[in-house]
């Protein structure tokens, strides 16, 4: 499922204890292409953006029109298999 970013600059992702994000993709209307989000490692290399269980990350997504998140988790632990995805000014839970 894809979610509109509403022209926000930052993407906030929070994972519960039994969930993690394995891929974040951004869509741009101008190119009509989905692209995997990568982050600068600070040493001249880039890594795919992910979010580990029980952590929260904020990624800059300025210019992206949609976001799509791929996640994994322990389906036997439904209470802790939750991911919250928010943009800068959005307070609702977009992905569960």
N, C-alpha and C. Protein backbone atom coordinates (compact mmCIF):
# COMPACT_ATOMS: atom_id res chain seq x y z
N UNK A 1 0.84 -1.19 0.00
CA UNK A 1 0.00 0.00 0.00
C UNK A 1 0.88 1.24 0.00
N UNK A 2 0.53 2.18 -0.82
CA UNK A 2 1.26 3.44 -0.91
C UNK A 2 0.48 4.54 -0.18
N UNK A 3 1.21 5.45 0.39
CA UNK A 3 0.60 6.56 1.13
C UNK A 3 1.14 7.87 0.59
N UNK A 4 0.26 8.86 0.43
CA UNK A 4 0.68 10.18 -0.01
C UNK A 4 1.46 10.87 1.11
N UNK A 5 2.53 11.56 0.75
CA UNK A 5 3.36 12.22 1.75
C UNK A 5 2.86 13.62 2.09
N UNK A 6 1.94 14.16 1.28
CA UNK A 6 1.39 15.49 1.49
C UNK A 6 2.48 16.55 1.53
N UNK A 7 3.52 16.37 0.72
CA UNK A 7 4.63 17.32 0.58
C UNK A 7 5.39 17.57 1.87
N UNK A 8 5.43 16.60 2.74
CA UNK A 8 6.17 16.74 3.99
C UNK A 8 7.66 16.48 3.75
N UNK A 9 8.49 17.00 4.61
CA UNK A 9 9.94 16.87 4.46
C UNK A 9 10.48 15.61 5.13
N UNK A 10 9.86 15.18 6.22
CA UNK A 10 10.40 14.07 6.99
C UNK A 10 9.40 12.92 7.12
N UNK A 11 9.95 11.72 7.13
CA UNK A 11 9.19 10.50 7.34
C UNK A 11 9.63 9.89 8.66
N UNK A 12 8.70 9.67 9.57
CA UNK A 12 8.97 9.09 10.88
C UNK A 12 8.47 7.65 10.88
N UNK A 13 9.33 6.71 11.22
CA UNK A 13 8.93 5.31 11.29
C UNK A 13 9.32 4.74 12.64
N UNK A 14 8.35 4.14 13.31
CA UNK A 14 8.55 3.56 14.63
C UNK A 14 8.11 2.11 14.60
N UNK A 15 8.97 1.20 15.02
CA UNK A 15 8.66 -0.23 15.04
C UNK A 15 8.50 -0.72 16.46
N UNK A 16 7.53 -1.59 16.66
CA UNK A 16 7.34 -2.23 17.96
C UNK A 16 8.35 -3.36 18.12
N UNK A 17 8.25 -4.09 19.21
CA UNK A 17 9.26 -5.09 19.58
C UNK A 17 9.38 -6.25 18.60
N UNK A 18 8.32 -6.61 17.92
CA UNK A 18 8.36 -7.77 17.03
C UNK A 18 8.23 -7.43 15.56
N UNK A 19 8.55 -6.20 15.19
CA UNK A 19 8.42 -5.80 13.79
C UNK A 19 9.66 -5.03 13.35
N UNK A 20 9.91 -5.02 12.06
CA UNK A 20 10.99 -4.22 11.51
C UNK A 20 10.67 -3.86 10.06
N UNK A 21 11.27 -2.77 9.59
CA UNK A 21 11.07 -2.32 8.22
C UNK A 21 12.26 -2.78 7.39
N UNK A 22 11.98 -3.50 6.31
CA UNK A 22 13.04 -4.05 5.48
C UNK A 22 13.28 -3.23 4.21
N UNK A 23 12.31 -2.38 3.84
CA UNK A 23 12.50 -1.55 2.65
C UNK A 23 11.56 -0.35 2.69
N UNK A 24 12.08 0.81 2.29
CA UNK A 24 11.28 2.03 2.17
C UNK A 24 11.44 2.51 0.73
N UNK A 25 10.31 2.72 0.06
CA UNK A 25 10.35 3.18 -1.33
C UNK A 25 9.63 4.52 -1.45
N UNK A 26 10.15 5.37 -2.32
CA UNK A 26 9.56 6.68 -2.57
C UNK A 26 9.13 6.77 -4.02
N UNK A 27 8.04 7.47 -4.26
CA UNK A 27 7.50 7.64 -5.61
C UNK A 27 7.47 9.12 -5.95
N UNK A 28 7.86 9.42 -7.18
CA UNK A 28 7.86 10.80 -7.67
C UNK A 28 6.95 10.89 -8.89
N UNK A 29 5.94 11.76 -8.84
CA UNK A 29 5.01 11.89 -9.95
C UNK A 29 5.73 12.28 -11.24
N UNK A 30 6.75 13.12 -11.16
CA UNK A 30 7.45 13.60 -12.35
C UNK A 30 8.10 12.47 -13.14
N UNK A 31 8.66 11.48 -12.44
CA UNK A 31 9.33 10.38 -13.13
C UNK A 31 8.46 9.13 -13.23
N UNK A 32 7.38 9.08 -12.44
CA UNK A 32 6.49 7.93 -12.37
C UNK A 32 7.24 6.64 -12.05
N UNK A 33 8.21 6.74 -11.14
CA UNK A 33 9.06 5.60 -10.79
C UNK A 33 9.16 5.49 -9.27
N UNK A 34 9.10 4.24 -8.76
CA UNK A 34 9.38 3.96 -7.35
C UNK A 34 10.88 3.77 -7.19
N UNK A 35 11.47 4.34 -6.13
CA UNK A 35 12.89 4.25 -5.87
C UNK A 35 13.11 3.85 -4.41
N UNK A 36 14.05 2.95 -4.18
CA UNK A 36 14.38 2.54 -2.81
C UNK A 36 15.15 3.66 -2.13
N UNK A 37 14.74 4.00 -0.92
CA UNK A 37 15.40 5.05 -0.15
C UNK A 37 16.74 4.56 0.39
N UNK A 38 17.80 5.31 0.11
CA UNK A 38 19.13 5.03 0.64
C UNK A 38 19.58 6.22 1.48
N UNK A 39 20.43 5.96 2.46
CA UNK A 39 20.94 7.01 3.33
C UNK A 39 22.45 7.07 3.24
N UNK A 40 22.99 8.27 3.40
CA UNK A 40 24.44 8.49 3.36
C UNK A 40 25.05 7.98 4.66
N UNK A 41 26.02 7.11 4.54
CA UNK A 41 26.69 6.54 5.72
C UNK A 41 27.73 7.49 6.31
N UNK A 42 28.01 8.59 5.63
CA UNK A 42 28.96 9.56 6.14
C UNK A 42 30.40 9.30 5.74
N UNK A 43 30.63 8.19 5.06
CA UNK A 43 32.00 7.86 4.63
C UNK A 43 32.09 7.71 3.11
N UNK A 44 31.11 8.30 2.42
CA UNK A 44 31.10 8.22 0.96
C UNK A 44 30.32 7.04 0.42
N UNK A 45 29.75 6.22 1.30
CA UNK A 45 28.94 5.09 0.86
C UNK A 45 27.48 5.31 1.25
N UNK A 46 26.61 4.53 0.64
CA UNK A 46 25.18 4.63 0.89
C UNK A 46 24.62 3.28 1.27
N UNK A 47 23.64 3.26 2.17
CA UNK A 47 22.98 2.02 2.61
C UNK A 47 21.48 2.17 2.46
N UNK A 48 20.82 1.04 2.24
CA UNK A 48 19.37 1.04 2.15
C UNK A 48 18.79 1.39 3.51
N UNK A 49 17.81 2.28 3.52
CA UNK A 49 17.17 2.71 4.76
C UNK A 49 16.30 1.57 5.31
N UNK A 50 16.52 1.22 6.57
CA UNK A 50 15.74 0.20 7.26
C UNK A 50 15.45 0.70 8.68
N UNK A 51 14.57 0.01 9.37
CA UNK A 51 14.29 0.33 10.77
C UNK A 51 14.20 -0.99 11.53
N UNK A 52 15.04 -1.14 12.53
CA UNK A 52 15.07 -2.37 13.33
C UNK A 52 13.93 -2.38 14.35
N UNK A 53 13.65 -3.56 14.88
CA UNK A 53 12.62 -3.71 15.91
C UNK A 53 12.94 -2.83 17.12
N UNK A 54 11.90 -2.31 17.73
CA UNK A 54 12.00 -1.47 18.94
C UNK A 54 12.80 -0.20 18.73
N UNK A 55 12.83 0.32 17.50
CA UNK A 55 13.54 1.57 17.24
C UNK A 55 12.64 2.52 16.44
N UNK A 56 13.11 3.76 16.34
CA UNK A 56 12.41 4.80 15.59
C UNK A 56 13.45 5.54 14.77
N UNK A 57 13.11 5.86 13.54
CA UNK A 57 14.02 6.59 12.66
C UNK A 57 13.25 7.71 11.96
N UNK A 58 13.98 8.77 11.63
CA UNK A 58 13.42 9.87 10.86
C UNK A 58 14.27 10.02 9.61
N UNK A 59 13.61 9.99 8.45
CA UNK A 59 14.30 10.11 7.17
C UNK A 59 13.77 11.32 6.41
N UNK A 60 14.67 12.03 5.73
CA UNK A 60 14.25 13.15 4.90
C UNK A 60 13.71 12.61 3.58
N UNK A 61 12.52 13.07 3.21
CA UNK A 61 11.88 12.61 1.98
C UNK A 61 11.40 13.78 1.14
N UNK A 62 12.02 14.94 1.28
CA UNK A 62 11.60 16.15 0.57
C UNK A 62 11.47 15.87 -0.92
N UNK A 63 10.33 16.23 -1.49
CA UNK A 63 10.10 16.07 -2.92
C UNK A 63 9.37 14.80 -3.30
N UNK A 64 9.34 13.81 -2.42
CA UNK A 64 8.64 12.55 -2.73
C UNK A 64 7.13 12.75 -2.60
N UNK A 65 6.38 12.11 -3.49
CA UNK A 65 4.94 12.25 -3.48
C UNK A 65 4.21 11.13 -2.75
N UNK A 66 4.82 9.93 -2.74
CA UNK A 66 4.24 8.79 -2.03
C UNK A 66 5.35 8.00 -1.34
N UNK A 67 4.96 7.23 -0.35
CA UNK A 67 5.89 6.35 0.34
C UNK A 67 5.25 4.96 0.45
N UNK A 68 6.10 3.95 0.33
CA UNK A 68 5.66 2.56 0.49
C UNK A 68 6.66 1.86 1.40
N UNK A 69 6.16 1.14 2.41
CA UNK A 69 7.01 0.51 3.41
C UNK A 69 6.79 -1.00 3.40
N UNK A 70 7.89 -1.75 3.33
CA UNK A 70 7.83 -3.20 3.42
C UNK A 70 8.30 -3.59 4.82
N UNK A 71 7.50 -4.41 5.50
CA UNK A 71 7.87 -4.76 6.87
C UNK A 71 7.75 -6.24 7.11
N UNK A 72 8.41 -6.70 8.16
CA UNK A 72 8.37 -8.10 8.57
C UNK A 72 8.20 -8.13 10.07
N UNK A 73 7.81 -9.28 10.57
CA UNK A 73 7.65 -9.39 12.02
C UNK A 73 7.14 -10.75 12.41
N UNK A 74 6.96 -10.91 13.69
CA UNK A 74 6.50 -12.16 14.27
C UNK A 74 4.97 -12.14 14.30
N UNK A 75 4.34 -12.88 13.39
CA UNK A 75 2.88 -12.86 13.32
C UNK A 75 2.23 -13.47 14.55
N UNK A 76 2.98 -14.25 15.33
CA UNK A 76 2.45 -14.83 16.55
C UNK A 76 2.41 -13.86 17.72
N UNK A 77 2.97 -12.67 17.53
CA UNK A 77 3.02 -11.66 18.57
C UNK A 77 2.35 -10.39 18.06
N UNK A 78 1.06 -10.47 17.80
CA UNK A 78 0.32 -9.39 17.16
C UNK A 78 0.41 -8.06 17.91
N UNK A 79 0.44 -8.11 19.23
CA UNK A 79 0.49 -6.88 20.02
C UNK A 79 1.77 -6.09 19.79
N UNK A 80 2.87 -6.77 19.48
CA UNK A 80 4.16 -6.10 19.27
C UNK A 80 4.59 -6.10 17.81
N UNK A 81 3.71 -6.53 16.90
CA UNK A 81 4.03 -6.55 15.48
C UNK A 81 3.34 -5.37 14.81
N UNK A 82 3.72 -4.16 15.21
CA UNK A 82 3.08 -2.94 14.73
C UNK A 82 4.15 -1.98 14.23
N UNK A 83 3.84 -1.30 13.14
CA UNK A 83 4.72 -0.26 12.61
C UNK A 83 3.88 1.01 12.45
N UNK A 84 4.41 2.12 12.92
CA UNK A 84 3.77 3.42 12.76
C UNK A 84 4.59 4.23 11.76
N UNK A 85 3.90 4.76 10.76
CA UNK A 85 4.56 5.59 9.75
C UNK A 85 3.85 6.92 9.72
N UNK A 86 4.63 7.99 9.91
CA UNK A 86 4.04 9.34 9.94
C UNK A 86 4.92 10.29 9.14
N UNK A 87 4.30 11.32 8.61
CA UNK A 87 5.07 12.41 8.01
C UNK A 87 5.16 13.53 9.03
N UNK A 88 5.87 14.57 8.70
CA UNK A 88 6.18 15.65 9.64
C UNK A 88 4.97 16.19 10.40
N UNK A 89 3.89 16.48 9.70
CA UNK A 89 2.72 17.11 10.33
C UNK A 89 1.54 16.16 10.51
N UNK A 90 1.76 14.88 10.27
CA UNK A 90 0.66 13.92 10.33
C UNK A 90 0.72 13.14 11.64
N UNK A 91 -0.39 13.10 12.36
CA UNK A 91 -0.43 12.40 13.64
C UNK A 91 -1.15 11.06 13.57
N UNK A 92 -1.62 10.68 12.43
CA UNK A 92 -2.35 9.41 12.35
C UNK A 92 -1.42 8.25 12.06
N UNK A 93 -1.87 7.07 12.39
CA UNK A 93 -1.11 5.87 12.11
C UNK A 93 -1.45 5.46 10.68
N UNK A 94 -0.44 5.39 9.82
CA UNK A 94 -0.68 5.07 8.42
C UNK A 94 -0.54 3.59 8.11
N UNK A 95 0.33 2.90 8.81
CA UNK A 95 0.56 1.48 8.54
C UNK A 95 0.47 0.72 9.84
N UNK A 96 -0.26 -0.39 9.83
CA UNK A 96 -0.34 -1.24 11.02
C UNK A 96 -0.01 -2.66 10.65
